Amino acid sequence: MKRIIPILLIKDRLLYKTINFKNATYIGDPFIALKIFNEKEVDELIVLDINNQNKEPDFEFLNDLASEAFMPLSYGGGISNIDYAEKIFRIGFEKVVLNTANYSNFDLLSLISGRFGSQAVICAIDYKISLFKKRSCVFMNSSKSINKNIIQFINEAVEAGAGEILLQCVNFEGTMEKMDISFIKTIVDKVNVPVIGTGGSPSHKYIKEFFDSTNASALAAGSIFVYHGPLKGVLINYPSYDLKEELIP
């Protein structure tokens, strides 16, 4: 089943939104957003702590989130060992999202997948497009990169145990202009695990174009679910059931 997934970016227990992984703008209380998403019956929710690379996850905060959520939850941020992952699963999250941990190798990904199953591990692939249209994987809020073909990197992640890929273009993230649909389609057609495309979706209506153009298993987004109108007024929202039927083939 195709899914539409909001992404909540968390910083110091508050909800933010970024553009190109920079200039974090305060949005509000994540628990208010969560309650609205509960009412809207969202398919899933991805929670990413964007200020948590060098410290352990905020387990107390995550426990509070999980206790309020009525939908499947995924979490990424500060997961540097398998004990952290196990604690997150015990709290009530179904999946963990790994990015920085994959910078040097896939050891942690393999450990988590081996113990909890590949369905519990999302490998987040962030990438940038250079002036010469070359795409390269980036890590640590796009501050580090590796000189490796993205498809090769994804295949290595899948072989190591990743059960799902979260594919995001830094150039488009938060811009609400367009997504890198052609490349997402290329990745979807060449890997054998579900792919979640994200980064740049300008509107709810664009979701239909995304699913018509790719065989991705899901679209994830942040801006279109927290902003409303050309002035970007904060309004937590999600497509109605009837609209979802029109958007998803």
C-alpha atoms as a PDB file:
ATOM      1  CA  MET A   1       0.000   0.000   0.000  1.00  0.00           C
ATOM      2  CA  LYS A   2       1.314   3.437  -0.948  1.00  0.00           C
ATOM      3  CA  ARG A   3       1.891   5.730   2.037  1.00  0.00           C
ATOM      4  CA  ILE A   4       1.970   9.471   2.704  1.00  0.00           C
ATOM      5  CA  ILE A   5       4.272  10.176   5.655  1.00  0.00           C
ATOM      6  CA  PRO A   6       4.778  13.460   7.550  1.00  0.00           C
ATOM      7  CA  ILE A   7       8.278  14.151   8.847  1.00  0.00           C
ATOM      8  CA  LEU A   8       8.688  16.016  12.126  1.00  0.00           C
ATOM      9  CA  LEU A   9      12.068  17.717  12.627  1.00  0.00           C
ATOM     10  CA  ILE A  10      12.814  18.036  16.342  1.00  0.00           C
ATOM     11  CA  LYS A  11      15.313  20.329  18.021  1.00  0.00           C
ATOM     12  CA  ASP A  12      15.447  20.698  21.815  1.00  0.00           C
ATOM     13  CA  ARG A  13      12.009  19.046  22.073  1.00  0.00           C
ATOM     14  CA  LEU A  14      10.440  21.619  19.747  1.00  0.00           C
ATOM     15  CA  LEU A  15       9.223  21.362  16.164  1.00  0.00           C
ATOM     16  CA  TYR A  16      11.265  23.070  13.419  1.00  0.00           C
ATOM     17  CA  LYS A  17      11.454  23.166   9.637  1.00  0.00           C
ATOM     18  CA  THR A  18      14.589  23.630   7.557  1.00  0.00           C
ATOM     19  CA  ILE A  19      15.499  24.580   4.008  1.00  0.00           C
ATOM     20  CA  ASN A  20      18.447  22.710   2.464  1.00  0.00           C
ATOM     21  CA  PHE A  21      19.147  21.355   5.977  1.00  0.00           C
ATOM     22  CA  LYS A  22      19.802  24.936   7.197  1.00  0.00           C
ATOM     23  CA  ASN A  23      17.995  27.927   8.720  1.00  0.00           C
ATOM     24  CA  ALA A  24      15.771  25.990  11.103  1.00  0.00           C
ATOM     25  CA  THR A  25      12.481  27.841  11.596  1.00  0.00           C
ATOM     26  CA  TYR A  26      10.473  27.288  14.769  1.00  0.00           C
ATOM     27  CA  ILE A  27       7.059  25.761  14.048  1.00  0.00           C
ATOM     28  CA  GLY A  28       5.599  24.944  17.445  1.00  0.00           C
ATOM     29  CA  ASP A  29       4.854  22.162  19.899  1.00  0.00           C
ATOM     30  CA  PRO A  30       5.392  18.692  18.415  1.00  0.00           C
ATOM     31  CA  PHE A  31       2.702  17.226  20.668  1.00  0.00           C
ATOM     32  CA  ILE A  32       0.084  19.518  19.162  1.00  0.00           C
ATOM     33  CA  ALA A  33       1.190  18.389  15.694  1.00  0.00           C
ATOM     34  CA  LEU A  34       1.073  14.778  16.832  1.00  0.00           C
ATOM     35  CA  LYS A  35      -2.480  15.093  18.151  1.00  0.00           C
ATOM     36  CA  ILE A  36      -3.618  16.631  14.862  1.00  0.00           C
ATOM     37  CA  PHE A  37      -1.938  13.858  12.897  1.00  0.00           C
ATOM     38  CA  ASN A  38      -3.709  11.353  15.148  1.00  0.00           C
ATOM     39  CA  GLU A  39      -7.028  12.936  14.226  1.00  0.00           C
ATOM     40  CA  LYS A  40      -6.090  12.930  10.534  1.00  0.00           C
ATOM     41  CA  GLU A  41      -5.198   9.212  10.742  1.00  0.00           C
ATOM     42  CA  VAL A  42      -1.830   9.569   9.015  1.00  0.00           C
ATOM     43  CA  ASP A  43      -0.260   6.444   7.547  1.00  0.00           C
ATOM     44  CA  GLU A  44       3.018   6.763   9.459  1.00  0.00           C
ATOM     45  CA  LEU A  45       5.141   9.412  11.134  1.00  0.00           C
ATOM     46  CA  ILE A  46       8.907   9.921  10.919  1.00  0.00           C
ATOM     47  CA  VAL A  47      10.550  11.840  13.775  1.00  0.00           C
ATOM     48  CA  LEU A  48      14.080  13.149  13.163  1.00  0.00           C
ATOM     49  CA  ASP A  49      16.102  14.906  15.846  1.00  0.00           C
ATOM     50  CA  ILE A  50      18.214  17.389  13.861  1.00  0.00           C
ATOM     51  CA  ASN A  51      20.228  18.497  16.888  1.00  0.00           C
ATOM     52  CA  ASN A  52      21.285  15.111  18.178  1.00  0.00           C
ATOM     53  CA  GLN A  53      24.386  13.867  16.396  1.00  0.00           C
ATOM     54  CA  ASN A  54      26.786  13.742  19.314  1.00  0.00           C
ATOM     55  CA  LYS A  55      24.547  12.698  22.207  1.00  0.00           C
ATOM     56  CA  GLU A  56      22.160   9.902  23.007  1.00  0.00           C
ATOM     57  CA  PRO A  57      18.492  10.091  21.992  1.00  0.00           C
ATOM     58  CA  ASP A  58      16.149  11.921  24.362  1.00  0.00           C
ATOM     59  CA  PHE A  59      14.398   8.765  25.555  1.00  0.00           C
ATOM     60  CA  GLU A  60      12.067  10.543  27.955  1.00  0.00           C
ATOM     61  CA  PHE A  61      10.801  12.788  25.163  1.00  0.00           C
ATOM     62  CA  LEU A  62      10.483   9.860  22.755  1.00  0.00           C
ATOM     63  CA  ASN A  63       8.533   7.876  25.329  1.00  0.00           C
ATOM     64  CA  ASP A  64       6.105  10.786  25.712  1.00  0.00           C
ATOM     65  CA  LEU A  65       5.685  10.971  21.929  1.00  0.00           C
ATOM     66  CA  ALA A  66       5.107   7.244  21.568  1.00  0.00           C
ATOM     67  CA  SER A  67       2.526   7.238  24.354  1.00  0.00           C
ATOM     68  CA  GLU A  68       0.488   9.869  22.458  1.00  0.00           C
ATOM     69  CA  ALA A  69       0.799   8.397  18.962  1.00  0.00           C
ATOM     70  CA  PHE A  70      -1.850   6.294  17.227  1.00  0.00           C
ATOM     71  CA  MET A  71       0.209   5.599  14.106  1.00  0.00           C
ATOM     72  CA  PRO A  72       3.430   3.659  13.319  1.00  0.00           C
ATOM     73  CA  LEU A  73       6.498   5.678  14.311  1.00  0.00           C
ATOM     74  CA  SER A  74      10.070   5.843  13.018  1.00  0.00           C
ATOM     75  CA  TYR A  75      12.901   7.722  14.725  1.00  0.00           C
ATOM     76  CA  GLY A  76      16.330   8.949  13.692  1.00  0.00           C
ATOM     77  CA  GLY A  77      18.964  10.951  15.558  1.00  0.00           C
ATOM     78  CA  GLY A  78      21.828   9.978  17.867  1.00  0.00           C
ATOM     79  CA  ILE A  79      21.428   6.209  17.381  1.00  0.00           C
ATOM     80  CA  SER A  80      25.062   5.197  17.749  1.00  0.00           C
ATOM     81  CA  ASN A  81      24.738   1.698  19.226  1.00  0.00           C
ATOM     82  CA  ILE A  82      22.344  -1.227  19.312  1.00  0.00           C
ATOM     83  CA  ASP A  83      21.333  -0.590  22.932  1.00  0.00           C
ATOM     84  CA  TYR A  84      19.902   2.790  21.925  1.00  0.00           C
ATOM     85  CA  ALA A  85      17.967   1.129  19.119  1.00  0.00           C
ATOM     86  CA  GLU A  86      16.606  -1.533  21.449  1.00  0.00           C
ATOM     87  CA  LYS A  87      15.446   1.105  23.916  1.00  0.00           C
ATOM     88  CA  ILE A  88      13.681   3.011  21.122  1.00  0.00           C
ATOM     89  CA  PHE A  89      11.857  -0.147  20.042  1.00  0.00           C
ATOM     90  CA  ARG A  90      10.825  -0.871  23.616  1.00  0.00           C
ATOM     91  CA  ILE A  91       9.427   2.644  23.907  1.00  0.00           C
ATOM     92  CA  GLY A  92       7.099   1.872  21.023  1.00  0.00           C
ATOM     93  CA  PHE A  93       8.794   2.960  17.792  1.00  0.00           C
ATOM     94  CA  GLU A  94       8.534   0.454  14.946  1.00  0.00           C
ATOM     95  CA  LYS A  95      11.600   1.592  12.976  1.00  0.00           C
ATOM     96  CA  VAL A  96      14.897   3.392  13.423  1.00  0.00           C
ATOM     97  CA  VAL A  97      16.370   5.709  10.805  1.00  0.00           C
ATOM     98  CA  LEU A  98      20.146   5.572  10.329  1.00  0.00           C
ATOM     99  CA  ASN A  99      22.247   8.085   8.396  1.00  0.00           C
ATOM    100  CA  THR A 100      25.389   9.284  10.170  1.00  0.00           C
ATOM    101  CA  ALA A 101      25.991   5.785  11.555  1.00  0.00           C
ATOM    102  CA  ASN A 102      26.471   4.587   7.962  1.00  0.00           C
ATOM    103  CA  TYR A 103      29.201   7.119   7.136  1.00  0.00           C
ATOM    104  CA  SER A 104      32.131   4.747   7.710  1.00  0.00           C
ATOM    105  CA  ASN A 105      30.455   1.344   7.487  1.00  0.00           C
ATOM    106  CA  PHE A 106      27.198  -0.534   7.931  1.00  0.00           C
ATOM    107  CA  ASP A 107      28.169  -2.402  11.099  1.00  0.00           C
ATOM    108  CA  LEU A 108      25.467  -0.861  13.286  1.00  0.00           C
ATOM    109  CA  LEU A 109      22.843  -1.243  10.582  1.00  0.00           C
ATOM    110  CA  SER A 110      23.709  -4.936  10.301  1.00  0.00           C
ATOM    111  CA  LEU A 111      23.588  -5.446  14.073  1.00  0.00           C
ATOM    112  CA  ILE A 112      20.166  -3.846  14.401  1.00  0.00           C
ATOM    113  CA  SER A 113      18.794  -5.644  11.365  1.00  0.00           C
ATOM    114  CA  GLY A 114      20.179  -8.969  12.548  1.00  0.00           C
ATOM    115  CA  ARG A 115      18.512  -8.686  15.948  1.00  0.00           C
ATOM    116  CA  PHE A 116      15.235  -6.935  15.109  1.00  0.00           C
ATOM    117  CA  GLY A 117      14.732  -7.671  11.407  1.00  0.00           C
ATOM    118  CA  SER A 118      15.359  -5.632   8.281  1.00  0.00           C
ATOM    119  CA  GLN A 119      11.813  -4.227   8.399  1.00  0.00           C
ATOM    120  CA  ALA A 120      12.875  -2.262  11.489  1.00  0.00           C
ATOM    121  CA  VAL A 121      15.738  -0.383   9.796  1.00  0.00           C
ATOM    122  CA  ILE A 122      15.439   2.577   7.419  1.00  0.00           C
ATOM    123  CA  CYS A 123      18.653   3.706   5.747  1.00  0.00           C
ATOM    124  CA  ALA A 124      18.432   7.455   5.146  1.00  0.00           C
ATOM    125  CA  ILE A 125      20.267   8.485   1.989  1.00  0.00           C
ATOM    126  CA  ASP A 126      20.807  12.243   1.870  1.00  0.00           C
ATOM    127  CA  TYR A 127      22.455  13.525  -1.295  1.00  0.00           C
ATOM    128  CA  LYS A 128      23.493  16.740  -2.974  1.00  0.00           C
ATOM    129  CA  ILE A 129      23.515  17.690  -6.649  1.00  0.00           C
ATOM    130  CA  SER A 130      26.651  19.571  -7.705  1.00  0.00           C
ATOM    131  CA  LEU A 131      26.885  22.330 -10.301  1.00  0.00           C
ATOM    132  CA  PHE A 132      27.901  19.605 -12.749  1.00  0.00           C
ATOM    133  CA  LYS A 133      24.745  17.579 -11.916  1.00  0.00           C
ATOM    134  CA  LYS A 134      26.714  14.944 -10.044  1.00  0.00           C
ATOM    135  CA  ARG A 135      24.867  13.412  -7.092  1.00  0.00           C
ATOM    136  CA  SER A 136      26.816  12.404  -3.988  1.00  0.00           C
ATOM    137  CA  CYS A 137      25.865  10.985  -0.584  1.00  0.00           C
ATOM    138  CA  VAL A 138      26.190  13.362   2.366  1.00  0.00           C
ATOM    139  CA  PHE A 139      26.092  12.864   6.124  1.00  0.00           C
ATOM    140  CA  MET A 140      26.017  14.821   9.390  1.00  0.00           C
ATOM    141  CA  ASN A 141      23.543  17.447   8.155  1.00  0.00           C
ATOM    142  CA  SER A 142      25.344  17.417   4.771  1.00  0.00           C
ATOM    143  CA  SER A 143      28.701  18.475   6.276  1.00  0.00           C
ATOM    144  CA  LYS A 144      30.456  15.253   5.166  1.00  0.00           C
ATOM    145  CA  SER A 145      30.341  13.355   1.908  1.00  0.00           C
ATOM    146  CA  ILE A 146      31.699  10.174   0.384  1.00  0.00           C
ATOM    147  CA  ASN A 147      32.940   9.571  -3.130  1.00  0.00           C
ATOM    148  CA  LYS A 148      30.750   6.587  -3.892  1.00  0.00           C
ATOM    149  CA  ASN A 149      28.002   5.987  -6.430  1.00  0.00           C
ATOM    150  CA  ILE A 150      24.616   6.365  -4.709  1.00  0.00           C
ATOM    151  CA  ILE A 151      23.142   3.204  -6.219  1.00  0.00           C
ATOM    152  CA  GLN A 152      26.213   1.255  -5.144  1.00  0.00           C
ATOM    153  CA  PHE A 153      25.929   2.710  -1.638  1.00  0.00           C
ATOM    154  CA  ILE A 154      22.225   1.805  -1.416  1.00  0.00           C
ATOM    155  CA  ASN A 155      22.859  -1.738  -2.628  1.00  0.00           C
ATOM    156  CA  GLU A 156      25.548  -2.143   0.035  1.00  0.00           C
ATOM    157  CA  ALA A 157      23.107  -0.858   2.660  1.00  0.00           C
ATOM    158  CA  VAL A 158      20.444  -3.305   1.512  1.00  0.00           C
ATOM    159  CA  GLU A 159      22.946  -6.161   1.540  1.00  0.00           C
ATOM    160  CA  ALA A 160      23.904  -5.146   5.094  1.00  0.00           C
ATOM    161  CA  GLY A 161      20.267  -5.392   6.185  1.00  0.00           C
ATOM    162  CA  ALA A 162      18.406  -2.171   5.412  1.00  0.00           C
ATOM    163  CA  GLY A 163      14.737  -2.902   4.870  1.00  0.00           C
ATOM    164  CA  GLU A 164      13.765   0.488   3.489  1.00  0.00           C
ATOM    165  CA  ILE A 165      15.434   3.530   1.930  1.00  0.00           C
ATOM    166  CA  LEU A 166      14.587   7.145   2.767  1.00  0.00           C
ATOM    167  CA  LEU A 167      15.915   9.108  -0.207  1.00  0.00           C
ATOM    168  CA  GLN A 168      16.270  12.874   0.158  1.00  0.00           C
ATOM    169  CA  CYS A 169      17.866  15.567  -1.998  1.00  0.00           C
ATOM    170  CA  VAL A 170      19.394  18.338   0.122  1.00  0.00           C
ATOM    171  CA  ASN A 171      19.085  20.832  -2.756  1.00  0.00           C
ATOM    172  CA  PHE A 172      15.291  20.515  -2.745  1.00  0.00           C
ATOM    173  CA  GLU A 173      14.622  19.938   0.966  1.00  0.00           C
ATOM    174  CA  GLY A 174      12.177  22.513   2.328  1.00  0.00           C
ATOM    175  CA  THR A 175      12.068  24.550  -0.902  1.00  0.00           C
ATOM    176  CA  MET A 176       8.517  23.479  -1.823  1.00  0.00           C
ATOM    177  CA  GLU A 177       9.442  23.784  -5.513  1.00  0.00           C
ATOM    178  CA  LYS A 178       9.737  20.244  -6.866  1.00  0.00           C
ATOM    179  CA  MET A 179      11.191  16.849  -6.081  1.00  0.00           C
ATOM    180  CA  ASP A 180      14.032  15.034  -7.810  1.00  0.00           C
ATOM    181  CA  ILE A 181      11.456  12.668  -9.274  1.00  0.00           C
ATOM    182  CA  SER A 182      13.486  11.319 -12.190  1.00  0.00           C
ATOM    183  CA  PHE A 183      16.321  10.234  -9.906  1.00  0.00           C
ATOM    184  CA  ILE A 184      13.927   8.779  -7.336  1.00  0.00           C
ATOM    185  CA  LYS A 185      12.395   6.719 -10.138  1.00  0.00           C
ATOM    186  CA  THR A 186      15.855   5.513 -11.165  1.00  0.00           C
ATOM    187  CA  ILE A 187      16.617   4.373  -7.626  1.00  0.00           C
ATOM    188  CA  VAL A 188      13.232   2.698  -7.174  1.00  0.00           C
ATOM    189  CA  ASP A 189      13.711   0.753 -10.398  1.00  0.00           C
ATOM    190  CA  LYS A 190      17.187  -0.464  -9.398  1.00  0.00           C
ATOM    191  CA  VAL A 191      16.819  -1.512  -5.745  1.00  0.00           C
ATOM    192  CA  ASN A 192      14.744  -4.338  -4.329  1.00  0.00           C
ATOM    193  CA  VAL A 193      13.492  -2.758  -1.103  1.00  0.00           C
ATOM    194  CA  PRO A 194      10.792  -0.103  -0.567  1.00  0.00           C
ATOM    195  CA  VAL A 195      11.885   3.483  -1.236  1.00  0.00           C
ATOM    196  CA  ILE A 196      10.464   6.575   0.471  1.00  0.00           C
ATOM    197  CA  GLY A 197      11.012   9.719  -1.580  1.00  0.00           C
ATOM    198  CA  THR A 198      11.246  13.080   0.158  1.00  0.00           C
ATOM    199  CA  GLY A 199      12.495  16.631  -0.338  1.00  0.00           C
ATOM    200  CA  GLY A 200      10.816  19.510  -2.135  1.00  0.00           C
ATOM    201  CA  SER A 201       7.164  18.544  -2.507  1.00  0.00           C
ATOM    202  CA  PRO A 202       5.270  21.821  -3.168  1.00  0.00           C
ATOM    203  CA  SER A 203       1.686  20.759  -2.424  1.00  0.00           C
ATOM    204  CA  HIS A 204      -0.741  17.953  -1.703  1.00  0.00           C
ATOM    205  CA  LYS A 205      -1.666  17.811  -5.389  1.00  0.00           C
ATOM    206  CA  TYR A 206       1.977  17.120  -6.275  1.00  0.00           C
ATOM    207  CA  ILE A 207       1.707  13.806  -4.432  1.00  0.00           C
ATOM    208  CA  LYS A 208      -0.295  12.395  -7.348  1.00  0.00           C
ATOM    209  CA  GLU A 209       2.441  13.377  -9.818  1.00  0.00           C
ATOM    210  CA  PHE A 210       4.998  11.693  -7.585  1.00  0.00           C
ATOM    211  CA  PHE A 211       3.134   8.381  -7.442  1.00  0.00           C
ATOM    212  CA  ASP A 212       2.185   8.536 -11.127  1.00  0.00           C
ATOM    213  CA  SER A 213       5.851   9.020 -12.030  1.00  0.00           C
ATOM    214  CA  THR A 214       7.530   6.551  -9.678  1.00  0.00           C
ATOM    215  CA  ASN A 215       6.819   3.188  -8.115  1.00  0.00           C
ATOM    216  CA  ALA A 216       8.041   4.415  -4.733  1.00  0.00           C
ATOM    217  CA  SER A 217       6.309   2.899  -1.731  1.00  0.00           C
ATOM    218  CA  ALA A 218       5.832   6.252   0.001  1.00  0.00           C
ATOM    219  CA  LEU A 219       6.207  10.003  -0.156  1.00  0.00           C
ATOM    220  CA  ALA A 220       7.454  11.723   2.985  1.00  0.00           C
ATOM    221  CA  ALA A 221       7.327  15.477   3.500  1.00  0.00           C
ATOM    222  CA  GLY A 222       7.612  18.193   6.090  1.00  0.00           C
ATOM    223  CA  SER A 223       6.698  21.629   4.735  1.00  0.00           C
ATOM    224  CA  ILE A 224       3.416  20.735   3.049  1.00  0.00           C
ATOM    225  CA  PHE A 225       2.142  19.260   6.327  1.00  0.00           C
ATOM    226  CA  VAL A 226       3.109  22.192   8.574  1.00  0.00           C
ATOM    227  CA  TYR A 227       2.608  25.228   6.290  1.00  0.00           C
ATOM    228  CA  HIS A 228      -0.400  26.684   4.512  1.00  0.00           C
ATOM    229  CA  GLY A 229      -0.650  29.271   1.751  1.00  0.00           C
ATOM    230  CA  PRO A 230       1.955  31.363  -0.111  1.00  0.00           C
ATOM    231  CA  LEU A 231       2.996  33.154   3.101  1.00  0.00           C
ATOM    232  CA  LYS A 232       3.690  29.820   4.807  1.00  0.00           C
ATOM    233  CA  GLY A 233       1.397  30.264   7.763  1.00  0.00           C
ATOM    234  CA  VAL A 234       1.832  27.457  10.252  1.00  0.00           C
ATOM    235  CA  LEU A 235      -1.037  24.995   9.928  1.00  0.00           C
ATOM    236  CA  ILE A 236      -0.637  21.300  10.704  1.00  0.00           C
ATOM    237  CA  ASN A 237      -2.501  19.430   7.974  1.00  0.00           C
ATOM    238  CA  TYR A 238      -2.784  16.170   6.060  1.00  0.00           C
ATOM    239  CA  PRO A 239      -4.853  15.040   3.040  1.00  0.00           C
ATOM    240  CA  SER A 240      -8.386  13.932   3.838  1.00  0.00           C
ATOM    241  CA  TYR A 241      -9.377  10.325   3.163  1.00  0.00           C
ATOM    242  CA  ASP A 242     -11.218  11.333  -0.018  1.00  0.00           C
ATOM    243  CA  LEU A 243      -8.265  13.371  -1.287  1.00  0.00           C
ATOM    244  CA  LYS A 244      -5.857  10.529  -0.563  1.00  0.00           C
ATOM    245  CA  GLU A 245      -7.930   8.271  -2.814  1.00  0.00           C
ATOM    246  CA  GLU A 246      -7.436  10.778  -5.626  1.00  0.00           C
ATOM    247  CA  LEU A 247      -3.703  11.200  -4.993  1.00  0.00           C
ATOM    248  CA  ILE A 248      -2.649   7.576  -4.637  1.00  0.00           C
ATOM    249  CA  PRO A 249      -3.101   5.268  -7.656  1.00  0.00           C
END
